[in-house]
């Protein structure tokens, strides 16, 4: 994946109509969770406008997100306590992006992507005196990623981007310690991000 990222960065630098942004985002991991946390993560986004129409442009984007916010469940039943958490550690969701007023100083846009995510899960079941079972693993899953934002041009090639991106993913439908109420559930992880970027052509 690192090699693919480097190759795509070189492509962006060489081809007209491409852009590259790097930023930080944060947001709650939500869905069926009783307790959610807000955590920061990094966002890298490569884009390429392949068709311009009037003031707008249609293109592709390849956003990669690293380290999302965790969601956690804690419950107790019949003297047994359970703890279950999951976190999106990596998300790669290429998709289609539509930019409005592409040549203006402020250029709003919307996008829709779909791809893969890496979900890290932890589960522990225990009584008052001892741990009965514990488990950790990582699973690949599918995610949808609708997004909207705006680019503010601050130079001939440089811009600042603000965006809201929501990762919709499904928890794996496999047996896991303390996770039985949440198998195969759809969850969402909205992220508000601020990035700095470079565009090869406006």
N, C-alpha and C. Protein backbone atom coordinates (compact mmCIF):
# COMPACT_ATOMS: atom_id res chain seq x y z
N UNK A 1 0.83 -1.19 0.00
CA UNK A 1 0.00 0.00 0.00
C UNK A 1 0.87 1.26 0.00
N UNK A 2 2.01 1.21 0.68
CA UNK A 2 2.92 2.36 0.71
C UNK A 2 3.48 2.62 -0.68
N UNK A 3 3.83 1.55 -1.40
CA UNK A 3 4.37 1.71 -2.75
C UNK A 3 3.32 2.31 -3.68
N UNK A 4 2.08 1.85 -3.54
CA UNK A 4 0.99 2.39 -4.35
C UNK A 4 0.80 3.87 -4.07
N UNK A 5 0.90 4.26 -2.80
CA UNK A 5 0.76 5.66 -2.42
C UNK A 5 1.85 6.51 -3.06
N UNK A 6 3.10 6.03 -3.03
CA UNK A 6 4.22 6.77 -3.61
C UNK A 6 4.05 6.91 -5.12
N UNK A 7 3.63 5.84 -5.80
CA UNK A 7 3.42 5.88 -7.25
C UNK A 7 2.33 6.86 -7.62
N UNK A 8 1.25 6.87 -6.83
CA UNK A 8 0.16 7.77 -7.13
C UNK A 8 0.57 9.23 -6.89
N UNK A 9 1.41 9.46 -5.87
CA UNK A 9 1.91 10.82 -5.60
C UNK A 9 2.74 11.31 -6.78
N UNK A 10 3.57 10.43 -7.34
CA UNK A 10 4.37 10.80 -8.51
C UNK A 10 3.47 11.10 -9.71
N UNK A 11 2.41 10.33 -9.86
CA UNK A 11 1.45 10.56 -10.94
C UNK A 11 0.80 11.93 -10.78
N UNK A 12 0.43 12.27 -9.55
CA UNK A 12 -0.22 13.56 -9.28
C UNK A 12 0.70 14.73 -9.63
N UNK A 13 1.99 14.56 -9.35
CA UNK A 13 2.93 15.65 -9.61
C UNK A 13 3.16 15.85 -11.11
N UNK A 14 2.93 14.80 -11.91
CA UNK A 14 3.27 14.86 -13.32
C UNK A 14 2.08 15.19 -14.23
N UNK A 15 0.86 14.90 -13.82
CA UNK A 15 -0.29 15.01 -14.69
C UNK A 15 -1.11 16.25 -14.35
N UNK A 16 -1.51 16.99 -15.36
CA UNK A 16 -2.34 18.18 -15.16
C UNK A 16 -3.73 17.78 -14.66
N UNK A 17 -4.28 18.58 -13.76
CA UNK A 17 -5.61 18.31 -13.24
C UNK A 17 -5.63 17.45 -12.00
N UNK A 18 -4.47 17.22 -11.39
CA UNK A 18 -4.42 16.39 -10.20
C UNK A 18 -4.22 17.25 -8.95
N UNK A 19 -4.58 16.70 -7.82
CA UNK A 19 -4.34 17.39 -6.55
C UNK A 19 -3.97 16.39 -5.47
N UNK A 20 -3.27 16.90 -4.47
CA UNK A 20 -2.82 16.09 -3.34
C UNK A 20 -3.02 16.90 -2.07
N UNK A 21 -3.67 16.31 -1.06
CA UNK A 21 -3.86 17.01 0.21
C UNK A 21 -3.50 16.09 1.37
N UNK A 22 -3.08 16.72 2.47
CA UNK A 22 -2.70 15.99 3.67
C UNK A 22 -3.24 16.78 4.86
N UNK A 23 -3.95 16.10 5.77
CA UNK A 23 -4.53 16.82 6.89
C UNK A 23 -4.83 15.93 8.08
N UNK A 24 -5.50 16.54 9.05
CA UNK A 24 -5.91 15.87 10.28
C UNK A 24 -7.41 16.00 10.45
N UNK A 25 -8.02 14.95 11.00
CA UNK A 25 -9.45 14.98 11.24
C UNK A 25 -9.81 14.32 12.55
N UNK A 26 -11.02 14.58 13.01
CA UNK A 26 -11.50 13.98 14.25
C UNK A 26 -13.01 13.88 14.21
N UNK A 27 -13.55 12.92 14.96
CA UNK A 27 -14.99 12.75 15.03
C UNK A 27 -15.34 11.53 15.85
N UNK A 28 -16.60 11.43 16.28
CA UNK A 28 -17.02 10.31 17.13
C UNK A 28 -17.27 9.04 16.32
N UNK A 29 -16.92 7.89 16.89
CA UNK A 29 -17.30 6.60 16.32
C UNK A 29 -18.68 6.27 16.86
N UNK A 30 -19.68 6.27 16.01
CA UNK A 30 -21.07 6.16 16.46
C UNK A 30 -21.75 4.94 15.87
N UNK A 31 -23.00 4.77 16.23
CA UNK A 31 -23.77 3.64 15.74
C UNK A 31 -24.53 3.02 16.88
N UNK A 32 -24.23 1.77 17.20
CA UNK A 32 -24.91 1.09 18.30
C UNK A 32 -24.18 1.23 19.61
N UNK A 33 -23.12 2.00 19.66
CA UNK A 33 -22.28 2.07 20.85
C UNK A 33 -22.98 2.78 22.00
N UNK A 34 -22.76 2.28 23.21
CA UNK A 34 -23.23 2.97 24.40
C UNK A 34 -22.25 4.06 24.80
N UNK A 35 -21.00 3.88 24.45
CA UNK A 35 -19.98 4.88 24.78
C UNK A 35 -19.09 5.09 23.55
N UNK A 36 -18.91 6.32 23.17
CA UNK A 36 -18.06 6.63 22.03
C UNK A 36 -16.94 7.57 22.46
N UNK A 37 -15.88 7.57 21.69
CA UNK A 37 -14.76 8.45 21.95
C UNK A 37 -14.43 9.21 20.68
N UNK A 38 -13.82 10.38 20.86
CA UNK A 38 -13.38 11.19 19.73
C UNK A 38 -11.86 11.13 19.69
N UNK A 39 -11.33 10.80 18.54
CA UNK A 39 -9.89 10.66 18.39
C UNK A 39 -9.47 11.28 17.06
N UNK A 40 -8.23 11.70 16.97
CA UNK A 40 -7.72 12.32 15.75
C UNK A 40 -7.07 11.28 14.85
N UNK A 41 -7.07 11.55 13.57
CA UNK A 41 -6.43 10.67 12.61
C UNK A 41 -5.91 11.47 11.43
N UNK A 42 -5.08 10.85 10.61
CA UNK A 42 -4.51 11.50 9.43
C UNK A 42 -5.31 11.13 8.19
N UNK A 43 -5.38 12.07 7.26
CA UNK A 43 -6.11 11.86 6.01
C UNK A 43 -5.24 12.33 4.84
N UNK A 44 -5.02 11.41 3.89
CA UNK A 44 -4.29 11.73 2.66
C UNK A 44 -5.26 11.53 1.50
N UNK A 45 -5.29 12.48 0.57
CA UNK A 45 -6.25 12.39 -0.53
C UNK A 45 -5.59 12.79 -1.85
N UNK A 46 -5.69 11.89 -2.83
CA UNK A 46 -5.24 12.17 -4.18
C UNK A 46 -6.46 12.33 -5.07
N UNK A 47 -6.45 13.30 -5.96
CA UNK A 47 -7.57 13.51 -6.86
C UNK A 47 -7.12 13.80 -8.27
N UNK A 48 -8.04 13.54 -9.22
CA UNK A 48 -7.76 13.82 -10.63
C UNK A 48 -9.06 14.21 -11.31
N UNK A 49 -9.11 15.42 -11.86
CA UNK A 49 -10.28 15.88 -12.61
C UNK A 49 -10.14 15.46 -14.07
N UNK A 50 -11.02 14.56 -14.52
CA UNK A 50 -10.90 14.08 -15.90
C UNK A 50 -11.88 14.75 -16.85
N UNK A 51 -12.85 15.53 -16.32
CA UNK A 51 -13.79 16.20 -17.21
C UNK A 51 -14.21 17.52 -16.60
N UNK A 52 -14.07 18.60 -17.37
CA UNK A 52 -14.49 19.92 -16.92
C UNK A 52 -15.71 20.35 -17.71
N UNK A 53 -16.69 20.95 -17.03
CA UNK A 53 -17.88 21.44 -17.70
C UNK A 53 -18.22 22.81 -17.11
N UNK A 54 -18.30 23.82 -17.97
CA UNK A 54 -18.55 25.19 -17.53
C UNK A 54 -17.62 25.54 -16.36
N UNK A 55 -18.21 25.80 -15.18
CA UNK A 55 -17.37 26.19 -14.03
C UNK A 55 -17.01 25.00 -13.15
N UNK A 56 -17.54 23.81 -13.45
CA UNK A 56 -17.33 22.66 -12.58
C UNK A 56 -16.37 21.64 -13.16
N UNK A 57 -16.17 20.57 -12.39
CA UNK A 57 -15.28 19.49 -12.83
C UNK A 57 -15.70 18.19 -12.16
N UNK A 58 -15.57 17.10 -12.88
CA UNK A 58 -15.83 15.76 -12.36
C UNK A 58 -14.53 14.98 -12.39
N UNK A 59 -14.25 14.26 -11.32
CA UNK A 59 -13.02 13.50 -11.27
C UNK A 59 -13.10 12.35 -10.29
N UNK A 60 -11.97 11.74 -10.07
CA UNK A 60 -11.86 10.65 -9.11
C UNK A 60 -11.00 11.12 -7.94
N UNK A 61 -11.20 10.51 -6.80
CA UNK A 61 -10.37 10.79 -5.64
C UNK A 61 -10.05 9.46 -4.95
N UNK A 62 -8.91 9.43 -4.29
CA UNK A 62 -8.48 8.24 -3.55
C UNK A 62 -8.06 8.69 -2.15
N UNK A 63 -9.04 8.79 -1.23
CA UNK A 63 -8.70 9.18 0.14
C UNK A 63 -8.28 7.98 0.98
N UNK A 64 -7.25 8.17 1.77
CA UNK A 64 -6.78 7.15 2.71
C UNK A 64 -6.79 7.76 4.11
N UNK A 65 -7.45 7.10 5.04
CA UNK A 65 -7.55 7.57 6.42
C UNK A 65 -6.82 6.60 7.34
N UNK A 66 -6.13 7.15 8.33
CA UNK A 66 -5.35 6.33 9.26
C UNK A 66 -5.74 6.68 10.69
N UNK A 67 -6.15 5.69 11.46
CA UNK A 67 -6.47 5.81 12.88
C UNK A 67 -7.74 6.60 13.12
N UNK A 68 -8.87 5.89 13.10
CA UNK A 68 -10.16 6.51 13.40
C UNK A 68 -10.47 6.45 14.88
N UNK A 69 -11.68 6.90 15.24
CA UNK A 69 -12.10 6.92 16.63
C UNK A 69 -12.64 5.55 17.05
N UNK A 70 -12.37 5.13 18.28
CA UNK A 70 -12.89 3.83 18.75
C UNK A 70 -14.31 3.94 19.27
N UNK A 71 -15.02 2.84 19.24
CA UNK A 71 -16.31 2.72 19.90
C UNK A 71 -16.21 1.55 20.86
N UNK A 72 -16.87 1.63 22.00
CA UNK A 72 -16.70 0.60 23.02
C UNK A 72 -18.03 0.28 23.69
N UNK A 73 -18.17 -0.96 24.11
CA UNK A 73 -19.35 -1.44 24.83
C UNK A 73 -18.89 -2.08 26.14
N UNK A 74 -19.59 -1.77 27.22
CA UNK A 74 -19.34 -2.39 28.51
C UNK A 74 -20.69 -2.85 29.05
N UNK A 75 -20.78 -4.12 29.45
CA UNK A 75 -22.05 -4.61 29.99
C UNK A 75 -21.78 -5.69 31.04
N UNK A 76 -22.79 -5.97 31.82
CA UNK A 76 -22.68 -7.00 32.87
C UNK A 76 -23.97 -7.80 32.91
N UNK A 77 -23.83 -9.14 33.00
CA UNK A 77 -24.99 -10.01 33.02
C UNK A 77 -24.64 -11.31 33.73
N UNK A 78 -25.46 -11.69 34.71
CA UNK A 78 -25.27 -12.94 35.45
C UNK A 78 -23.86 -13.05 36.06
N UNK A 79 -23.36 -11.95 36.58
CA UNK A 79 -22.06 -11.97 37.24
C UNK A 79 -20.87 -11.92 36.31
N UNK A 80 -21.11 -11.85 35.02
CA UNK A 80 -20.01 -11.77 34.04
C UNK A 80 -20.03 -10.39 33.39
N UNK A 81 -18.87 -9.75 33.38
CA UNK A 81 -18.73 -8.44 32.75
C UNK A 81 -18.04 -8.60 31.40
N UNK A 82 -18.46 -7.79 30.46
CA UNK A 82 -17.87 -7.84 29.13
C UNK A 82 -17.44 -6.48 28.65
N UNK A 83 -16.36 -6.46 27.91
CA UNK A 83 -15.87 -5.23 27.28
C UNK A 83 -15.55 -5.53 25.83
N UNK A 84 -16.06 -4.70 24.94
CA UNK A 84 -15.81 -4.89 23.51
C UNK A 84 -15.54 -3.53 22.88
N UNK A 85 -14.50 -3.44 22.05
CA UNK A 85 -14.21 -2.19 21.35
C UNK A 85 -13.79 -2.49 19.92
N UNK A 86 -14.00 -1.52 19.06
CA UNK A 86 -13.55 -1.65 17.68
C UNK A 86 -13.11 -0.27 17.18
N UNK A 87 -12.15 -0.28 16.27
CA UNK A 87 -11.59 0.96 15.72
C UNK A 87 -11.24 0.75 14.27
N UNK A 88 -11.58 1.71 13.42
CA UNK A 88 -11.11 1.70 12.04
C UNK A 88 -9.68 2.23 12.04
N UNK A 89 -8.73 1.37 11.76
CA UNK A 89 -7.33 1.81 11.79
C UNK A 89 -6.86 2.33 10.43
N UNK A 90 -7.40 1.77 9.34
CA UNK A 90 -7.06 2.22 7.99
C UNK A 90 -8.31 2.14 7.14
N UNK A 91 -8.55 3.16 6.32
CA UNK A 91 -9.67 3.14 5.37
C UNK A 91 -9.19 3.67 4.03
N UNK A 92 -9.45 2.93 2.96
CA UNK A 92 -9.11 3.34 1.60
C UNK A 92 -10.39 3.27 0.78
N UNK A 93 -10.93 4.44 0.41
CA UNK A 93 -12.26 4.50 -0.20
C UNK A 93 -12.26 5.36 -1.46
N UNK A 94 -11.73 4.85 -2.58
CA UNK A 94 -11.75 5.63 -3.82
C UNK A 94 -13.17 5.87 -4.31
N UNK A 95 -13.35 6.99 -5.00
CA UNK A 95 -14.69 7.31 -5.48
C UNK A 95 -14.70 8.44 -6.49
N UNK A 96 -15.88 8.97 -6.73
CA UNK A 96 -16.11 10.03 -7.70
C UNK A 96 -16.33 11.34 -6.96
N UNK A 97 -15.73 12.43 -7.45
CA UNK A 97 -15.86 13.74 -6.84
C UNK A 97 -16.35 14.75 -7.88
N UNK A 98 -17.30 15.59 -7.47
CA UNK A 98 -17.80 16.68 -8.31
C UNK A 98 -17.42 18.00 -7.65
N UNK A 99 -16.65 18.83 -8.37
CA UNK A 99 -16.26 20.14 -7.85
C UNK A 99 -17.08 21.22 -8.56
N UNK A 100 -17.57 22.18 -7.77
CA UNK A 100 -18.32 23.30 -8.31
C UNK A 100 -17.42 24.54 -8.27
N UNK A 101 -17.59 25.43 -9.24
CA UNK A 101 -16.78 26.64 -9.32
C UNK A 101 -15.29 26.28 -9.21
N UNK A 102 -14.87 25.36 -10.06
CA UNK A 102 -13.53 24.79 -9.97
C UNK A 102 -12.43 25.82 -10.14
N UNK A 103 -12.68 26.91 -10.87
CA UNK A 103 -11.65 27.92 -11.10
C UNK A 103 -11.77 29.11 -10.15
N UNK A 104 -12.72 29.07 -9.24
CA UNK A 104 -12.92 30.16 -8.30
C UNK A 104 -12.00 30.01 -7.09
N UNK A 105 -11.93 31.07 -6.30
CA UNK A 105 -11.09 31.04 -5.10
C UNK A 105 -11.62 30.03 -4.10
N UNK A 106 -12.95 29.93 -3.98
CA UNK A 106 -13.58 28.94 -3.12
C UNK A 106 -14.31 27.93 -4.00
N UNK A 107 -13.97 26.68 -3.86
CA UNK A 107 -14.54 25.63 -4.71
C UNK A 107 -15.18 24.53 -3.86
N UNK A 108 -16.51 24.57 -3.68
CA UNK A 108 -17.17 23.48 -2.93
C UNK A 108 -17.20 22.20 -3.76
N UNK A 109 -17.33 21.07 -3.09
CA UNK A 109 -17.35 19.78 -3.78
C UNK A 109 -18.11 18.74 -2.96
N UNK A 110 -18.55 17.70 -3.63
CA UNK A 110 -19.15 16.53 -2.99
C UNK A 110 -18.52 15.29 -3.60
N UNK A 111 -18.51 14.19 -2.84
CA UNK A 111 -17.94 12.95 -3.37
C UNK A 111 -18.63 11.74 -2.75
N UNK A 112 -18.46 10.62 -3.40
CA UNK A 112 -18.98 9.35 -2.90
C UNK A 112 -17.98 8.26 -3.21
N UNK A 113 -17.53 7.56 -2.18
CA UNK A 113 -16.54 6.52 -2.38
C UNK A 113 -16.94 5.21 -1.71
N UNK A 114 -16.26 4.17 -2.08
CA UNK A 114 -16.47 2.85 -1.48
C UNK A 114 -15.16 2.09 -1.55
N UNK A 115 -14.89 1.31 -0.52
CA UNK A 115 -13.63 0.58 -0.52
C UNK A 115 -13.49 -0.30 0.69
N UNK A 116 -12.25 -0.44 1.15
CA UNK A 116 -11.96 -1.36 2.24
C UNK A 116 -11.50 -0.64 3.49
N UNK A 117 -11.75 -1.27 4.64
CA UNK A 117 -11.30 -0.75 5.92
C UNK A 117 -10.68 -1.89 6.73
N UNK A 118 -9.78 -1.52 7.61
CA UNK A 118 -9.18 -2.48 8.54
C UNK A 118 -9.75 -2.17 9.92
N UNK A 119 -10.47 -3.14 10.49
CA UNK A 119 -11.13 -2.97 11.78
C UNK A 119 -10.36 -3.74 12.84
N UNK A 120 -9.91 -3.07 13.86
CA UNK A 120 -9.21 -3.71 14.97
C UNK A 120 -10.18 -3.88 16.13
N UNK A 121 -10.33 -5.13 16.62
CA UNK A 121 -11.29 -5.42 17.69
C UNK A 121 -10.60 -5.99 18.92
N UNK A 122 -11.16 -5.64 20.07
CA UNK A 122 -10.69 -6.17 21.35
C UNK A 122 -11.91 -6.58 22.17
N UNK A 123 -11.85 -7.77 22.77
CA UNK A 123 -12.94 -8.24 23.61
C UNK A 123 -12.42 -8.92 24.86
N UNK A 124 -13.06 -8.66 25.99
CA UNK A 124 -12.68 -9.26 27.27
C UNK A 124 -13.95 -9.63 28.02
N UNK A 125 -13.98 -10.85 28.55
CA UNK A 125 -15.06 -11.30 29.43
C UNK A 125 -14.44 -11.70 30.76
N UNK A 126 -15.02 -11.23 31.89
CA UNK A 126 -14.41 -11.49 33.19
C UNK A 126 -15.47 -11.54 34.28
N UNK A 127 -15.11 -12.19 35.37
CA UNK A 127 -15.91 -12.15 36.59
C UNK A 127 -15.24 -11.17 37.55
N UNK A 128 -15.72 -11.12 38.78
CA UNK A 128 -15.13 -10.21 39.76
C UNK A 128 -13.68 -10.56 40.04
N UNK A 129 -13.37 -11.85 39.99
CA UNK A 129 -12.04 -12.29 40.41
C UNK A 129 -11.06 -12.61 39.29
N UNK A 130 -11.54 -12.90 38.07
CA UNK A 130 -10.61 -13.31 37.02
C UNK A 130 -11.16 -13.05 35.62
N UNK A 131 -10.21 -13.02 34.68
CA UNK A 131 -10.57 -12.89 33.27
C UNK A 131 -10.91 -14.27 32.72
N UNK A 132 -12.08 -14.41 32.15
CA UNK A 132 -12.51 -15.70 31.59
C UNK A 132 -11.94 -15.89 30.18
N UNK A 133 -12.02 -14.84 29.37
CA UNK A 133 -11.54 -14.93 27.99
C UNK A 133 -11.20 -13.54 27.49
N UNK A 134 -10.22 -13.48 26.60
CA UNK A 134 -9.88 -12.22 25.95
C UNK A 134 -9.45 -12.52 24.52
N UNK A 135 -9.64 -11.55 23.66
CA UNK A 135 -9.35 -11.77 22.24
C UNK A 135 -9.04 -10.43 21.57
N UNK A 136 -8.10 -10.46 20.64
CA UNK A 136 -7.77 -9.31 19.81
C UNK A 136 -7.56 -9.79 18.39
N UNK A 137 -8.04 -9.04 17.43
CA UNK A 137 -7.76 -9.37 16.04
C UNK A 137 -8.03 -8.17 15.15
N UNK A 138 -7.70 -8.32 13.88
CA UNK A 138 -7.98 -7.30 12.87
C UNK A 138 -8.71 -7.95 11.72
N UNK A 139 -9.70 -7.24 11.18
CA UNK A 139 -10.51 -7.77 10.10
C UNK A 139 -10.63 -6.75 8.98
N UNK A 140 -10.66 -7.25 7.74
CA UNK A 140 -10.94 -6.39 6.60
C UNK A 140 -12.44 -6.31 6.39
N UNK A 141 -12.93 -5.13 6.05
CA UNK A 141 -14.35 -4.94 5.81
C UNK A 141 -14.59 -3.99 4.67
N UNK A 142 -15.85 -3.80 4.34
CA UNK A 142 -16.26 -2.90 3.26
C UNK A 142 -16.87 -1.65 3.88
N UNK A 143 -16.62 -0.50 3.26
CA UNK A 143 -17.15 0.76 3.78
C UNK A 143 -17.61 1.66 2.64
N UNK A 144 -18.61 2.46 2.92
CA UNK A 144 -19.04 3.55 2.06
C UNK A 144 -18.56 4.85 2.69
N UNK A 145 -18.24 5.85 1.85
CA UNK A 145 -17.68 7.08 2.40
C UNK A 145 -18.20 8.30 1.64
N UNK A 146 -19.42 8.77 1.94
CA UNK A 146 -19.87 10.04 1.37
C UNK A 146 -19.13 11.20 2.02
N UNK A 147 -18.90 12.27 1.26
CA UNK A 147 -18.15 13.41 1.78
C UNK A 147 -18.59 14.69 1.09
N UNK A 148 -18.35 15.81 1.77
CA UNK A 148 -18.61 17.13 1.20
C UNK A 148 -17.63 18.10 1.84
N UNK A 149 -17.24 19.11 1.07
CA UNK A 149 -16.29 20.08 1.61
C UNK A 149 -16.09 21.23 0.66
N UNK A 150 -15.06 22.02 0.92
CA UNK A 150 -14.73 23.16 0.08
C UNK A 150 -13.23 23.40 0.13
N UNK A 151 -12.67 23.83 -1.01
CA UNK A 151 -11.27 24.19 -1.11
C UNK A 151 -11.13 25.70 -1.21
N UNK A 152 -10.24 26.26 -0.42
CA UNK A 152 -9.94 27.69 -0.46
C UNK A 152 -8.56 27.87 -1.06
N UNK A 153 -8.49 28.45 -2.25
CA UNK A 153 -7.21 28.63 -2.92
C UNK A 153 -6.45 29.78 -2.28
N UNK A 154 -5.19 29.55 -1.91
CA UNK A 154 -4.39 30.58 -1.26
C UNK A 154 -3.15 30.93 -2.09
N UNK A 155 -3.09 30.41 -3.28
CA UNK A 155 -1.99 30.69 -4.20
C UNK A 155 -2.34 30.12 -5.55
N UNK A 156 -1.41 30.17 -6.49
CA UNK A 156 -1.70 29.64 -7.82
C UNK A 156 -1.90 28.13 -7.81
N UNK A 157 -1.28 27.45 -6.85
CA UNK A 157 -1.37 25.99 -6.79
C UNK A 157 -1.77 25.46 -5.41
N UNK A 158 -1.67 26.27 -4.37
CA UNK A 158 -1.91 25.78 -3.01
C UNK A 158 -3.34 26.07 -2.56
N UNK A 159 -3.86 25.19 -1.70
CA UNK A 159 -5.22 25.39 -1.19
C UNK A 159 -5.34 24.81 0.21
N UNK A 160 -6.36 25.28 0.93
CA UNK A 160 -6.74 24.74 2.23
C UNK A 160 -8.11 24.09 2.07
N UNK A 161 -8.27 22.90 2.61
CA UNK A 161 -9.52 22.14 2.44
C UNK A 161 -10.17 21.86 3.79
N UNK A 162 -11.47 22.11 3.86
CA UNK A 162 -12.28 21.69 4.99
C UNK A 162 -13.32 20.69 4.50
N UNK A 163 -13.53 19.62 5.24
CA UNK A 163 -14.45 18.59 4.75
C UNK A 163 -15.09 17.80 5.89
N UNK A 164 -16.22 17.21 5.57
CA UNK A 164 -16.89 16.25 6.44
C UNK A 164 -16.99 14.94 5.67
N UNK A 165 -16.40 13.89 6.21
CA UNK A 165 -16.40 12.58 5.56
C UNK A 165 -16.93 11.56 6.55
N UNK A 166 -17.87 10.71 6.10
CA UNK A 166 -18.50 9.75 6.99
C UNK A 166 -18.21 8.33 6.50
N UNK A 167 -17.60 7.53 7.36
CA UNK A 167 -17.27 6.14 7.02
C UNK A 167 -18.37 5.23 7.56
N UNK A 168 -19.12 4.60 6.66
CA UNK A 168 -20.18 3.67 7.03
C UNK A 168 -19.63 2.26 6.83
N UNK A 169 -19.56 1.48 7.89
CA UNK A 169 -18.95 0.16 7.79
C UNK A 169 -19.77 -0.86 8.59
N UNK A 170 -19.54 -2.11 8.29
CA UNK A 170 -20.27 -3.20 8.94
C UNK A 170 -19.32 -4.03 9.79
N UNK A 171 -19.67 -4.19 11.07
CA UNK A 171 -18.87 -5.02 11.96
C UNK A 171 -18.90 -6.47 11.48
N UNK A 172 -17.79 -7.18 11.50
CA UNK A 172 -17.76 -8.57 11.02
C UNK A 172 -18.78 -9.46 11.72
N UNK A 173 -19.39 -10.36 10.95
CA UNK A 173 -20.38 -11.31 11.50
C UNK A 173 -19.69 -12.60 11.93
N UNK A 174 -18.72 -12.49 12.81
CA UNK A 174 -17.98 -13.65 13.30
C UNK A 174 -17.93 -13.62 14.81
N UNK A 175 -17.85 -14.82 15.40
CA UNK A 175 -17.79 -14.93 16.84
C UNK A 175 -16.58 -14.22 17.42
N UNK A 176 -16.82 -13.47 18.50
CA UNK A 176 -15.75 -12.70 19.12
C UNK A 176 -16.15 -12.44 20.56
N UNK A 177 -15.19 -12.46 21.46
CA UNK A 177 -15.47 -12.29 22.87
C UNK A 177 -16.22 -10.98 23.13
N UNK A 178 -17.36 -11.08 23.82
CA UNK A 178 -18.16 -9.94 24.28
C UNK A 178 -18.80 -9.15 23.16
N UNK A 179 -18.77 -9.65 21.93
CA UNK A 179 -19.31 -8.86 20.82
C UNK A 179 -20.64 -9.37 20.30
N UNK A 180 -21.21 -10.41 20.91
CA UNK A 180 -22.37 -11.07 20.30
C UNK A 180 -23.55 -10.15 20.02
N UNK A 181 -23.83 -9.08 20.80
CA UNK A 181 -24.97 -8.23 20.44
C UNK A 181 -24.70 -7.38 19.21
N UNK A 182 -23.46 -7.35 18.70
CA UNK A 182 -23.10 -6.38 17.68
C UNK A 182 -22.55 -7.00 16.39
N UNK A 183 -22.74 -8.30 16.21
CA UNK A 183 -22.29 -8.93 14.98
C UNK A 183 -23.07 -8.38 13.79
N UNK A 184 -22.38 -8.09 12.73
CA UNK A 184 -23.03 -7.69 11.49
C UNK A 184 -23.82 -6.40 11.58
N UNK A 185 -23.46 -5.50 12.47
CA UNK A 185 -24.16 -4.22 12.61
C UNK A 185 -23.48 -3.14 11.78
N UNK A 186 -24.29 -2.27 11.18
CA UNK A 186 -23.75 -1.11 10.48
C UNK A 186 -23.47 0.01 11.47
N UNK A 187 -22.31 0.61 11.38
CA UNK A 187 -21.89 1.71 12.23
C UNK A 187 -21.37 2.84 11.36
N UNK A 188 -21.18 3.97 11.96
CA UNK A 188 -20.66 5.10 11.19
C UNK A 188 -19.64 5.88 12.00
N UNK A 189 -18.70 6.48 11.27
CA UNK A 189 -17.60 7.21 11.89
C UNK A 189 -17.40 8.54 11.13
N UNK A 190 -18.18 9.58 11.46
CA UNK A 190 -18.01 10.87 10.78
C UNK A 190 -16.71 11.54 11.20
N UNK A 191 -16.05 12.17 10.24
CA UNK A 191 -14.77 12.83 10.49
C UNK A 191 -14.80 14.24 9.89
N UNK A 192 -14.49 15.24 10.69
CA UNK A 192 -14.30 16.60 10.20
C UNK A 192 -12.80 16.82 10.08
N UNK A 193 -12.34 17.21 8.89
CA UNK A 193 -10.91 17.32 8.64
C UNK A 193 -10.53 18.66 8.03
N UNK A 194 -9.34 19.10 8.36
CA UNK A 194 -8.73 20.29 7.76
C UNK A 194 -7.42 19.84 7.12
N UNK A 195 -7.23 20.18 5.85
CA UNK A 195 -6.05 19.73 5.11
C UNK A 195 -5.42 20.88 4.36
N UNK A 196 -4.16 20.70 4.06
CA UNK A 196 -3.45 21.58 3.14
C UNK A 196 -3.13 20.80 1.90
N UNK A 197 -3.20 21.45 0.73
CA UNK A 197 -2.99 20.70 -0.49
C UNK A 197 -2.36 21.49 -1.62
N UNK A 198 -2.01 20.77 -2.67
CA UNK A 198 -1.40 21.31 -3.87
C UNK A 198 -2.13 20.77 -5.08
N UNK A 199 -2.42 21.65 -6.06
CA UNK A 199 -3.11 21.23 -7.27
C UNK A 199 -2.27 21.61 -8.47
N UNK A 200 -2.15 20.68 -9.42
CA UNK A 200 -1.28 20.92 -10.57
C UNK A 200 -1.89 21.90 -11.56
N UNK A 201 -3.23 22.07 -11.55
CA UNK A 201 -3.87 23.02 -12.44
C UNK A 201 -5.19 23.44 -11.83
N UNK A 202 -5.59 24.67 -12.03
CA UNK A 202 -6.85 25.19 -11.49
C UNK A 202 -7.91 25.28 -12.58
